């Protein structure tokens, strides 16, 4: 078993794409394939499955990844201990959902690349329900979540920014001109929602249920942009964070409905595993992220 094989497997587990893993490792795709084949043959188990263009970790692969993550972290720590250069190097793998990728993190990523050119930054977008699992299994060093403001067992975390949400509709929607709404006003309406497991979708559905509403008619999306476009043409009522709809509200393309969503506090939050060694590269990313959010609360 060679160190380069472990690095290749770790990169593949982070990217879930052979071509992307090859690009990160400066290999041709066939080299990644050969290294993975040799590693699997030596271990006697399948580490990944290829389903068309999609790569998923097997149960053995997820288990093996935890050990590989520890090995590479220990190696990075050892290299740092003996390294004489003052330049910070290493690798940081971060993950977030589509909304934060689009509206909160670009300024952070840009500043980090400019300030720390010696650090390899790997970004892996994930659906909200998969983020915590990725952190527990070592697939990411740091995750960002748009979630209820609360702690997570086994994680270290910090609140970056409080977030507001709106219930929105097109300006010509029958409810758009109303100054108050009751639960009965939502009967027969179609709701444009994020995927199941999303914290603010769960909160909204719970708030409707507590006010006596049973099942709802819904269209489910994995993209805030798709929800906005469908709401703008009158396909239904959307529930989205303010950061994603500020421009549309300012242009009058979407109108906030008078429905209170302040019973639960939501925030953009940054998490990392409490047992993970904080390498200089990870520490640099954590500190720069804190500074960026502190300086600009409207990222």
C-alpha atoms as a PDB file:
ATOM      1  CA  UNK A   1       0.000   0.000   0.000  1.00  0.00           C
ATOM      2  CA  UNK A   2       1.523   3.278  -1.145  1.00  0.00           C
ATOM      3  CA  UNK A   3       1.010   6.775   0.209  1.00  0.00           C
ATOM      4  CA  UNK A   4       0.096   8.065  -3.241  1.00  0.00           C
ATOM      5  CA  UNK A   5      -2.734   5.515  -3.392  1.00  0.00           C
ATOM      6  CA  UNK A   6      -4.105   6.751  -0.091  1.00  0.00           C
ATOM      7  CA  UNK A   7      -3.927  10.354  -1.303  1.00  0.00           C
ATOM      8  CA  UNK A   8      -5.699   9.398  -4.519  1.00  0.00           C
ATOM      9  CA  UNK A   9      -8.444   7.592  -2.620  1.00  0.00           C
ATOM     10  CA  UNK A  10      -8.883  10.567  -0.257  1.00  0.00           C
ATOM     11  CA  UNK A  11      -9.138  12.971  -3.188  1.00  0.00           C
ATOM     12  CA  UNK A  12     -11.615  10.710  -4.996  1.00  0.00           C
ATOM     13  CA  UNK A  13     -13.718  10.426  -1.834  1.00  0.00           C
ATOM     14  CA  UNK A  14     -13.801  14.242  -1.633  1.00  0.00           C
ATOM     15  CA  UNK A  15     -14.601  14.918  -5.282  1.00  0.00           C
ATOM     16  CA  UNK A  16     -16.629  11.762  -6.123  1.00  0.00           C
ATOM     17  CA  UNK A  17     -15.411  12.188  -9.669  1.00  0.00           C
ATOM     18  CA  UNK A  18     -12.477  10.368 -11.356  1.00  0.00           C
ATOM     19  CA  UNK A  19     -11.715  13.204 -13.783  1.00  0.00           C
ATOM     20  CA  UNK A  20     -11.796  15.833 -11.036  1.00  0.00           C
ATOM     21  CA  UNK A  21      -9.649  13.674  -8.754  1.00  0.00           C
ATOM     22  CA  UNK A  22      -7.121  13.265 -11.563  1.00  0.00           C
ATOM     23  CA  UNK A  23      -7.061  17.017 -12.120  1.00  0.00           C
ATOM     24  CA  UNK A  24      -6.446  17.729  -8.430  1.00  0.00           C
ATOM     25  CA  UNK A  25      -3.658  15.126  -8.274  1.00  0.00           C
ATOM     26  CA  UNK A  26      -2.152  16.233 -11.607  1.00  0.00           C
ATOM     27  CA  UNK A  27      -2.746  12.757 -13.039  1.00  0.00           C
ATOM     28  CA  UNK A  28      -4.450  11.487 -16.138  1.00  0.00           C
ATOM     29  CA  UNK A  29      -7.761   9.721 -15.277  1.00  0.00           C
ATOM     30  CA  UNK A  30      -6.320   6.302 -16.099  1.00  0.00           C
ATOM     31  CA  UNK A  31      -3.711   6.742 -13.332  1.00  0.00           C
ATOM     32  CA  UNK A  32      -6.459   7.288 -10.762  1.00  0.00           C
ATOM     33  CA  UNK A  33      -8.244   4.195 -12.051  1.00  0.00           C
ATOM     34  CA  UNK A  34      -5.095   2.075 -11.819  1.00  0.00           C
ATOM     35  CA  UNK A  35      -4.210   3.283  -8.330  1.00  0.00           C
ATOM     36  CA  UNK A  36      -7.721   2.613  -7.075  1.00  0.00           C
ATOM     37  CA  UNK A  37      -7.720  -0.851  -8.648  1.00  0.00           C
ATOM     38  CA  UNK A  38      -4.383  -1.700  -7.007  1.00  0.00           C
ATOM     39  CA  UNK A  39      -5.568  -0.423  -3.620  1.00  0.00           C
ATOM     40  CA  UNK A  40      -8.826  -2.386  -3.795  1.00  0.00           C
ATOM     41  CA  UNK A  41      -6.977  -5.548  -4.827  1.00  0.00           C
ATOM     42  CA  UNK A  42      -4.572  -5.221  -1.902  1.00  0.00           C
ATOM     43  CA  UNK A  43      -7.407  -4.649   0.570  1.00  0.00           C
ATOM     44  CA  UNK A  44      -9.614  -7.295  -1.010  1.00  0.00           C
ATOM     45  CA  UNK A  45     -12.713  -5.056  -0.984  1.00  0.00           C
ATOM     46  CA  UNK A  46     -14.463  -2.551  -3.219  1.00  0.00           C
ATOM     47  CA  UNK A  47     -13.983   1.002  -1.960  1.00  0.00           C
ATOM     48  CA  UNK A  48     -16.091   2.821  -4.550  1.00  0.00           C
ATOM     49  CA  UNK A  49     -18.872   2.031  -6.965  1.00  0.00           C
ATOM     50  CA  UNK A  50     -19.193   3.720 -10.341  1.00  0.00           C
ATOM     51  CA  UNK A  51     -22.810   4.314 -11.381  1.00  0.00           C
ATOM     52  CA  UNK A  52     -22.461   5.883 -14.800  1.00  0.00           C
ATOM     53  CA  UNK A  53     -20.538   9.104 -14.203  1.00  0.00           C
ATOM     54  CA  UNK A  54     -21.390   9.094 -10.510  1.00  0.00           C
ATOM     55  CA  UNK A  55     -19.004   7.729  -7.874  1.00  0.00           C
ATOM     56  CA  UNK A  56     -20.226   6.610  -4.438  1.00  0.00           C
ATOM     57  CA  UNK A  57     -18.319   5.171  -1.512  1.00  0.00           C
ATOM     58  CA  UNK A  58     -19.138   1.630  -0.439  1.00  0.00           C
ATOM     59  CA  UNK A  59     -19.579   0.790   3.241  1.00  0.00           C
ATOM     60  CA  UNK A  60     -15.973  -0.422   3.249  1.00  0.00           C
ATOM     61  CA  UNK A  61     -14.905   2.795   1.526  1.00  0.00           C
ATOM     62  CA  UNK A  62     -16.589   4.977   4.135  1.00  0.00           C
ATOM     63  CA  UNK A  63     -14.961   2.988   6.932  1.00  0.00           C
ATOM     64  CA  UNK A  64     -11.531   3.086   5.261  1.00  0.00           C
ATOM     65  CA  UNK A  65     -11.831   6.840   4.654  1.00  0.00           C
ATOM     66  CA  UNK A  66     -11.850   7.578   8.395  1.00  0.00           C
ATOM     67  CA  UNK A  67      -8.481   5.853   8.792  1.00  0.00           C
ATOM     68  CA  UNK A  68      -7.016   7.435   5.672  1.00  0.00           C
ATOM     69  CA  UNK A  69      -8.119  10.861   6.866  1.00  0.00           C
ATOM     70  CA  UNK A  70      -6.310  10.289  10.171  1.00  0.00           C
ATOM     71  CA  UNK A  71      -3.175   9.009   8.414  1.00  0.00           C
ATOM     72  CA  UNK A  72      -2.960  12.000   6.090  1.00  0.00           C
ATOM     73  CA  UNK A  73      -3.689  14.433   8.924  1.00  0.00           C
ATOM     74  CA  UNK A  74      -0.904  12.897  11.011  1.00  0.00           C
ATOM     75  CA  UNK A  75       1.432  13.092   8.023  1.00  0.00           C
ATOM     76  CA  UNK A  76       0.567  16.740   7.437  1.00  0.00           C
ATOM     77  CA  UNK A  77       1.160  17.466  11.117  1.00  0.00           C
ATOM     78  CA  UNK A  78       4.542  15.721  10.976  1.00  0.00           C
ATOM     79  CA  UNK A  79       5.551  17.599   7.830  1.00  0.00           C
ATOM     80  CA  UNK A  80       4.607  20.898   9.417  1.00  0.00           C
ATOM     81  CA  UNK A  81       6.631  20.071  12.533  1.00  0.00           C
ATOM     82  CA  UNK A  82       9.845  19.715  10.545  1.00  0.00           C
ATOM     83  CA  UNK A  83       9.142  22.218   7.766  1.00  0.00           C
ATOM     84  CA  UNK A  84      11.445  25.251   7.816  1.00  0.00           C
ATOM     85  CA  UNK A  85       9.572  27.452   5.360  1.00  0.00           C
ATOM     86  CA  UNK A  86       7.241  30.084   6.777  1.00  0.00           C
ATOM     87  CA  UNK A  87       4.664  29.613   3.996  1.00  0.00           C
ATOM     88  CA  UNK A  88       1.479  27.853   5.077  1.00  0.00           C
ATOM     89  CA  UNK A  89       0.769  24.818   2.901  1.00  0.00           C
ATOM     90  CA  UNK A  90      -1.590  21.855   2.991  1.00  0.00           C
ATOM     91  CA  UNK A  91      -5.103  20.976   1.871  1.00  0.00           C
ATOM     92  CA  UNK A  92      -8.502  22.145   3.118  1.00  0.00           C
ATOM     93  CA  UNK A  93     -11.724  20.421   2.031  1.00  0.00           C
ATOM     94  CA  UNK A  94     -14.905  22.395   2.605  1.00  0.00           C
ATOM     95  CA  UNK A  95     -18.564  21.676   1.833  1.00  0.00           C
ATOM     96  CA  UNK A  96     -21.786  23.685   1.833  1.00  0.00           C
ATOM     97  CA  UNK A  97     -25.207  23.634   0.247  1.00  0.00           C
ATOM     98  CA  UNK A  98     -26.105  25.401  -2.983  1.00  0.00           C
ATOM     99  CA  UNK A  99     -27.513  28.524  -1.334  1.00  0.00           C
ATOM    100  CA  UNK A 100     -24.424  29.253   0.757  1.00  0.00           C
ATOM    101  CA  UNK A 101     -22.156  28.342  -2.177  1.00  0.00           C
ATOM    102  CA  UNK A 102     -23.863  31.052  -4.214  1.00  0.00           C
ATOM    103  CA  UNK A 103     -24.537  33.848  -1.738  1.00  0.00           C
ATOM    104  CA  UNK A 104     -22.195  33.604   1.257  1.00  0.00           C
ATOM    105  CA  UNK A 105     -18.940  31.841   0.400  1.00  0.00           C
ATOM    106  CA  UNK A 106     -17.550  33.366  -2.835  1.00  0.00           C
ATOM    107  CA  UNK A 107     -15.989  36.327  -0.979  1.00  0.00           C
ATOM    108  CA  UNK A 108     -14.402  33.948   1.547  1.00  0.00           C
ATOM    109  CA  UNK A 109     -12.977  31.678  -1.149  1.00  0.00           C
ATOM    110  CA  UNK A 110     -11.612  34.580  -3.173  1.00  0.00           C
ATOM    111  CA  UNK A 111      -9.833  36.148  -0.184  1.00  0.00           C
ATOM    112  CA  UNK A 112      -8.419  32.799   0.874  1.00  0.00           C
ATOM    113  CA  UNK A 113      -6.979  32.012  -2.565  1.00  0.00           C
ATOM    114  CA  UNK A 114      -5.322  35.422  -2.741  1.00  0.00           C
ATOM    115  CA  UNK A 115      -3.870  35.283   0.766  1.00  0.00           C
ATOM    116  CA  UNK A 116      -2.796  31.606   0.864  1.00  0.00           C
ATOM    117  CA  UNK A 117      -1.705  30.510  -2.627  1.00  0.00           C
ATOM    118  CA  UNK A 118       0.266  27.598  -1.144  1.00  0.00           C
ATOM    119  CA  UNK A 119      -2.843  25.921   0.297  1.00  0.00           C
ATOM    120  CA  UNK A 120      -4.857  23.614  -1.922  1.00  0.00           C
ATOM    121  CA  UNK A 121      -8.529  24.413  -1.417  1.00  0.00           C
ATOM    122  CA  UNK A 122     -11.047  21.739  -2.412  1.00  0.00           C
ATOM    123  CA  UNK A 123     -14.710  22.699  -2.470  1.00  0.00           C
ATOM    124  CA  UNK A 124     -17.428  20.054  -2.547  1.00  0.00           C
ATOM    125  CA  UNK A 125     -21.052  21.229  -2.799  1.00  0.00           C
ATOM    126  CA  UNK A 126     -23.477  18.917  -0.981  1.00  0.00           C
ATOM    127  CA  UNK A 127     -27.176  18.842  -0.250  1.00  0.00           C
ATOM    128  CA  UNK A 128     -27.961  20.024   3.269  1.00  0.00           C
ATOM    129  CA  UNK A 129     -28.919  16.555   4.634  1.00  0.00           C
ATOM    130  CA  UNK A 130     -25.498  15.142   3.629  1.00  0.00           C
ATOM    131  CA  UNK A 131     -23.265  17.785   5.171  1.00  0.00           C
ATOM    132  CA  UNK A 132     -23.055  16.435   8.719  1.00  0.00           C
ATOM    133  CA  UNK A 133     -22.426  12.911   7.469  1.00  0.00           C
ATOM    134  CA  UNK A 134     -19.574  14.187   5.309  1.00  0.00           C
ATOM    135  CA  UNK A 135     -17.959  15.829   8.339  1.00  0.00           C
ATOM    136  CA  UNK A 136     -18.374  12.739  10.545  1.00  0.00           C
ATOM    137  CA  UNK A 137     -16.885  10.456   7.885  1.00  0.00           C
ATOM    138  CA  UNK A 138     -13.926  12.689   7.078  1.00  0.00           C
ATOM    139  CA  UNK A 139     -15.104  13.725   3.636  1.00  0.00           C
ATOM    140  CA  UNK A 140     -14.788  17.396   4.579  1.00  0.00           C
ATOM    141  CA  UNK A 141     -12.640  19.362   7.010  1.00  0.00           C
ATOM    142  CA  UNK A 142     -15.142  22.211   7.405  1.00  0.00           C
ATOM    143  CA  UNK A 143     -18.817  22.502   6.524  1.00  0.00           C
ATOM    144  CA  UNK A 144     -21.113  25.502   6.319  1.00  0.00           C
ATOM    145  CA  UNK A 145     -24.787  25.086   7.132  1.00  0.00           C
ATOM    146  CA  UNK A 146     -27.859  27.290   7.011  1.00  0.00           C
ATOM    147  CA  UNK A 147     -29.620  25.843  10.034  1.00  0.00           C
ATOM    148  CA  UNK A 148     -31.263  26.502  13.370  1.00  0.00           C
ATOM    149  CA  UNK A 149     -28.919  28.279  15.748  1.00  0.00           C
ATOM    150  CA  UNK A 150     -27.940  25.333  17.954  1.00  0.00           C
ATOM    151  CA  UNK A 151     -24.940  23.158  18.710  1.00  0.00           C
ATOM    152  CA  UNK A 152     -24.155  19.757  17.195  1.00  0.00           C
ATOM    153  CA  UNK A 153     -22.870  16.809  19.229  1.00  0.00           C
ATOM    154  CA  UNK A 154     -19.334  15.854  18.179  1.00  0.00           C
ATOM    155  CA  UNK A 155     -18.740  19.094  16.283  1.00  0.00           C
ATOM    156  CA  UNK A 156     -17.149  22.411  17.069  1.00  0.00           C
ATOM    157  CA  UNK A 157     -19.132  25.244  15.566  1.00  0.00           C
ATOM    158  CA  UNK A 158     -19.514  28.986  15.300  1.00  0.00           C
ATOM    159  CA  UNK A 159     -22.338  31.222  14.158  1.00  0.00           C
ATOM    160  CA  UNK A 160     -21.231  33.429  11.295  1.00  0.00           C
ATOM    161  CA  UNK A 161     -24.377  35.424  10.568  1.00  0.00           C
ATOM    162  CA  UNK A 162     -28.054  35.510  11.555  1.00  0.00           C
ATOM    163  CA  UNK A 163     -30.333  34.819   8.590  1.00  0.00           C
ATOM    164  CA  UNK A 164     -33.901  35.933   7.831  1.00  0.00           C
ATOM    165  CA  UNK A 165     -36.472  34.081   5.740  1.00  0.00           C
ATOM    166  CA  UNK A 166     -39.491  35.119   3.713  1.00  0.00           C
ATOM    167  CA  UNK A 167     -42.601  33.501   2.331  1.00  0.00           C
ATOM    168  CA  UNK A 168     -42.763  34.920  -1.198  1.00  0.00           C
ATOM    169  CA  UNK A 169     -45.010  35.074  -4.230  1.00  0.00           C
ATOM    170  CA  UNK A 170     -45.204  36.816  -7.585  1.00  0.00           C
ATOM    171  CA  UNK A 171     -46.621  40.371  -7.409  1.00  0.00           C
ATOM    172  CA  UNK A 172     -49.798  39.304  -9.254  1.00  0.00           C
ATOM    173  CA  UNK A 173     -50.463  36.369  -6.908  1.00  0.00           C
ATOM    174  CA  UNK A 174     -53.885  36.591  -5.190  1.00  0.00           C
ATOM    175  CA  UNK A 175     -52.233  36.746  -1.743  1.00  0.00           C
ATOM    176  CA  UNK A 176     -49.627  39.368  -2.642  1.00  0.00           C
ATOM    177  CA  UNK A 177     -51.801  42.364  -1.747  1.00  0.00           C
ATOM    178  CA  UNK A 178     -52.953  40.995   1.594  1.00  0.00           C
ATOM    179  CA  UNK A 179     -51.802  42.642   4.830  1.00  0.00           C
ATOM    180  CA  UNK A 180     -52.618  39.622   7.013  1.00  0.00           C
ATOM    181  CA  UNK A 181     -52.949  35.908   6.334  1.00  0.00           C
ATOM    182  CA  UNK A 182     -54.543  32.980   8.124  1.00  0.00           C
ATOM    183  CA  UNK A 183     -53.778  29.313   7.692  1.00  0.00           C
ATOM    184  CA  UNK A 184     -56.945  28.911   5.637  1.00  0.00           C
ATOM    185  CA  UNK A 185     -55.550  31.280   3.013  1.00  0.00           C
ATOM    186  CA  UNK A 186     -52.958  28.656   2.089  1.00  0.00           C
ATOM    187  CA  UNK A 187     -55.558  26.023   1.221  1.00  0.00           C
ATOM    188  CA  UNK A 188     -55.162  24.997  -2.397  1.00  0.00           C
ATOM    189  CA  UNK A 189     -51.823  26.753  -2.795  1.00  0.00           C
ATOM    190  CA  UNK A 190     -48.698  25.090  -4.184  1.00  0.00           C
ATOM    191  CA  UNK A 191     -45.500  25.509  -2.187  1.00  0.00           C
ATOM    192  CA  UNK A 192     -42.077  25.583  -3.871  1.00  0.00           C
ATOM    193  CA  UNK A 193     -39.718  23.926  -1.395  1.00  0.00           C
ATOM    194  CA  UNK A 194     -36.144  22.765  -0.992  1.00  0.00           C
ATOM    195  CA  UNK A 195     -35.321  19.072  -0.569  1.00  0.00           C
ATOM    196  CA  UNK A 196     -36.587  17.069   2.393  1.00  0.00           C
ATOM    197  CA  UNK A 197     -34.213  17.309   5.347  1.00  0.00           C
ATOM    198  CA  UNK A 198     -33.573  21.019   4.813  1.00  0.00           C
ATOM    199  CA  UNK A 199     -33.925  22.673   8.213  1.00  0.00           C
ATOM    200  CA  UNK A 200     -35.991  25.686   7.182  1.00  0.00           C
ATOM    201  CA  UNK A 201     -38.341  23.566   5.090  1.00  0.00           C
ATOM    202  CA  UNK A 202     -38.877  21.334   8.124  1.00  0.00           C
ATOM    203  CA  UNK A 203     -39.526  24.383  10.317  1.00  0.00           C
ATOM    204  CA  UNK A 204     -42.037  25.852   7.842  1.00  0.00           C
ATOM    205  CA  UNK A 205     -43.962  22.588   7.467  1.00  0.00           C
ATOM    206  CA  UNK A 206     -44.032  22.222  11.246  1.00  0.00           C
ATOM    207  CA  UNK A 207     -45.365  25.761  11.672  1.00  0.00           C
ATOM    208  CA  UNK A 208     -48.213  25.030   9.233  1.00  0.00           C
ATOM    209  CA  UNK A 209     -49.023  21.768  10.983  1.00  0.00           C
ATOM    210  CA  UNK A 210     -49.126  23.465  14.398  1.00  0.00           C
ATOM    211  CA  UNK A 211     -51.675  25.940  13.039  1.00  0.00           C
ATOM    212  CA  UNK A 212     -53.916  23.094  11.911  1.00  0.00           C
ATOM    213  CA  UNK A 213     -52.963  22.586   8.273  1.00  0.00           C
ATOM    214  CA  UNK A 214     -52.703  19.005   7.109  1.00  0.00           C
ATOM    215  CA  UNK A 215     -50.909  17.940   3.938  1.00  0.00           C
ATOM    216  CA  UNK A 216     -49.726  20.535   1.457  1.00  0.00           C
ATOM    217  CA  UNK A 217     -49.279  20.552  -2.293  1.00  0.00           C
ATOM    218  CA  UNK A 218     -45.601  20.965  -3.056  1.00  0.00           C
ATOM    219  CA  UNK A 219     -42.988  21.051  -5.764  1.00  0.00           C
ATOM    220  CA  UNK A 220     -39.518  20.061  -4.550  1.00  0.00           C
ATOM    221  CA  UNK A 221     -36.291  21.569  -5.874  1.00  0.00           C
ATOM    222  CA  UNK A 222     -32.587  21.284  -5.028  1.00  0.00           C
ATOM    223  CA  UNK A 223     -31.858  24.819  -6.206  1.00  0.00           C
ATOM    224  CA  UNK A 224     -32.869  28.170  -4.735  1.00  0.00           C
ATOM    225  CA  UNK A 225     -32.479  29.706  -8.192  1.00  0.00           C
ATOM    226  CA  UNK A 226     -35.028  27.276  -9.651  1.00  0.00           C
ATOM    227  CA  UNK A 227     -37.454  28.052  -6.821  1.00  0.00           C
ATOM    228  CA  UNK A 228     -37.115  31.788  -7.488  1.00  0.00           C
ATOM    229  CA  UNK A 229     -37.730  31.473 -11.202  1.00  0.00           C
ATOM    230  CA  UNK A 230     -40.820  29.328 -10.682  1.00  0.00           C
ATOM    231  CA  UNK A 231     -42.197  31.688  -8.028  1.00  0.00           C
ATOM    232  CA  UNK A 232     -41.662  34.698 -10.310  1.00  0.00           C
ATOM    233  CA  UNK A 233     -43.877  33.203 -13.008  1.00  0.00           C
ATOM    234  CA  UNK A 234     -46.625  32.352 -10.528  1.00  0.00           C
ATOM    235  CA  UNK A 235     -46.151  28.608 -10.116  1.00  0.00           C
ATOM    236  CA  UNK A 236     -46.468  28.780  -6.338  1.00  0.00           C
ATOM    237  CA  UNK A 237     -45.345  30.207  -3.021  1.00  0.00           C
ATOM    238  CA  UNK A 238     -41.647  30.071  -2.121  1.00  0.00           C
ATOM    239  CA  UNK A 239     -39.827  29.950   1.225  1.00  0.00           C
ATOM    240  CA  UNK A 240     -36.292  31.285   0.858  1.00  0.00           C
ATOM    241  CA  UNK A 241     -33.593  33.109   2.851  1.00  0.00           C
ATOM    242  CA  UNK A 242     -33.360  36.866   2.428  1.00  0.00           C
ATOM    243  CA  UNK A 243     -29.839  36.633   0.986  1.00  0.00           C
ATOM    244  CA  UNK A 244     -31.191  34.719  -2.027  1.00  0.00           C
ATOM    245  CA  UNK A 245     -34.067  37.078  -2.878  1.00  0.00           C
ATOM    246  CA  UNK A 246     -32.910  40.601  -1.995  1.00  0.00           C
ATOM    247  CA  UNK A 247     -32.419  41.601  -5.623  1.00  0.00           C
ATOM    248  CA  UNK A 248     -35.749  40.143  -6.731  1.00  0.00           C
ATOM    249  CA  UNK A 249     -37.631  41.921  -3.918  1.00  0.00           C
ATOM    250  CA  UNK A 250     -35.910  45.214  -4.707  1.00  0.00           C
ATOM    251  CA  UNK A 251     -36.970  44.867  -8.361  1.00  0.00           C
ATOM    252  CA  UNK A 252     -40.534  43.945  -7.386  1.00  0.00           C
ATOM    253  CA  UNK A 253     -40.289  40.527  -9.002  1.00  0.00           C
ATOM    254  CA  UNK A 254     -41.144  38.775  -5.728  1.00  0.00           C
ATOM    255  CA  UNK A 255     -43.319  40.046  -2.872  1.00  0.00           C
ATOM    256  CA  UNK A 256     -42.952  38.946   0.773  1.00  0.00           C
ATOM    257  CA  UNK A 257     -46.219  37.664   2.241  1.00  0.00           C
ATOM    258  CA  UNK A 258     -47.255  38.610   5.810  1.00  0.00           C
ATOM    259  CA  UNK A 259     -46.418  35.284   7.436  1.00  0.00           C
ATOM    260  CA  UNK A 260     -44.199  35.237  10.538  1.00  0.00           C
ATOM    261  CA  UNK A 261     -41.103  33.012  10.327  1.00  0.00           C
ATOM    262  CA  UNK A 262     -39.263  34.378  13.381  1.00  0.00           C
ATOM    263  CA  UNK A 263     -40.246  31.715  15.930  1.00  0.00           C
ATOM    264  CA  UNK A 264     -36.945  29.916  15.321  1.00  0.00           C
ATOM    265  CA  UNK A 265     -33.552  31.584  14.822  1.00  0.00           C
ATOM    266  CA  UNK A 266     -31.547  30.524  11.787  1.00  0.00           C
ATOM    267  CA  UNK A 267     -27.941  31.320  10.978  1.00  0.00           C
ATOM    268  CA  UNK A 268     -25.084  30.583   8.629  1.00  0.00           C
ATOM    269  CA  UNK A 269     -22.825  28.370  10.749  1.00  0.00           C
ATOM    270  CA  UNK A 270     -19.354  26.879  10.363  1.00  0.00           C
ATOM    271  CA  UNK A 271     -18.581  23.415  11.794  1.00  0.00           C
ATOM    272  CA  UNK A 272     -15.571  21.121  12.098  1.00  0.00           C
ATOM    273  CA  UNK A 273     -15.093  17.781  13.872  1.00  0.00           C
ATOM    274  CA  UNK A 274     -14.125  18.140  17.523  1.00  0.00           C
ATOM    275  CA  UNK A 275     -11.558  15.318  17.268  1.00  0.00           C
ATOM    276  CA  UNK A 276      -9.868  16.542  14.094  1.00  0.00           C
ATOM    277  CA  UNK A 277      -6.377  17.974  14.255  1.00  0.00           C
ATOM    278  CA  UNK A 278      -6.532  21.627  13.218  1.00  0.00           C
ATOM    279  CA  UNK A 279      -3.684  21.928  10.757  1.00  0.00           C
ATOM    280  CA  UNK A 280      -2.165  25.348  10.013  1.00  0.00           C
ATOM    281  CA  UNK A 281      -4.046  25.333   6.692  1.00  0.00           C
ATOM    282  CA  UNK A 282      -7.394  24.649   8.377  1.00  0.00           C
ATOM    283  CA  UNK A 283      -6.667  27.216  11.083  1.00  0.00           C
ATOM    284  CA  UNK A 284      -5.858  29.774   8.396  1.00  0.00           C
ATOM    285  CA  UNK A 285      -9.177  29.105   6.689  1.00  0.00           C
ATOM    286  CA  UNK A 286     -11.137  29.319   9.958  1.00  0.00           C
ATOM    287  CA  UNK A 287      -9.530  32.624  10.894  1.00  0.00           C
ATOM    288  CA  UNK A 288      -9.982  34.188   7.467  1.00  0.00           C
ATOM    289  CA  UNK A 289     -13.637  33.108   7.382  1.00  0.00           C
ATOM    290  CA  UNK A 290     -14.288  34.694  10.776  1.00  0.00           C
ATOM    291  CA  UNK A 291     -12.623  37.904   9.634  1.00  0.00           C
ATOM    292  CA  UNK A 292     -14.523  38.022   6.336  1.00  0.00           C
ATOM    293  CA  UNK A 293     -17.940  37.597   7.925  1.00  0.00           C
ATOM    294  CA  UNK A 294     -17.050  40.105  10.635  1.00  0.00           C
ATOM    295  CA  UNK A 295     -15.997  42.742   8.102  1.00  0.00           C
ATOM    296  CA  UNK A 296     -18.885  42.261   5.725  1.00  0.00           C
ATOM    297  CA  UNK A 297     -22.228  41.129   7.091  1.00  0.00           C
ATOM    298  CA  UNK A 298     -23.785  41.324   3.627  1.00  0.00           C
ATOM    299  CA  UNK A 299     -21.586  38.769   1.846  1.00  0.00           C
END
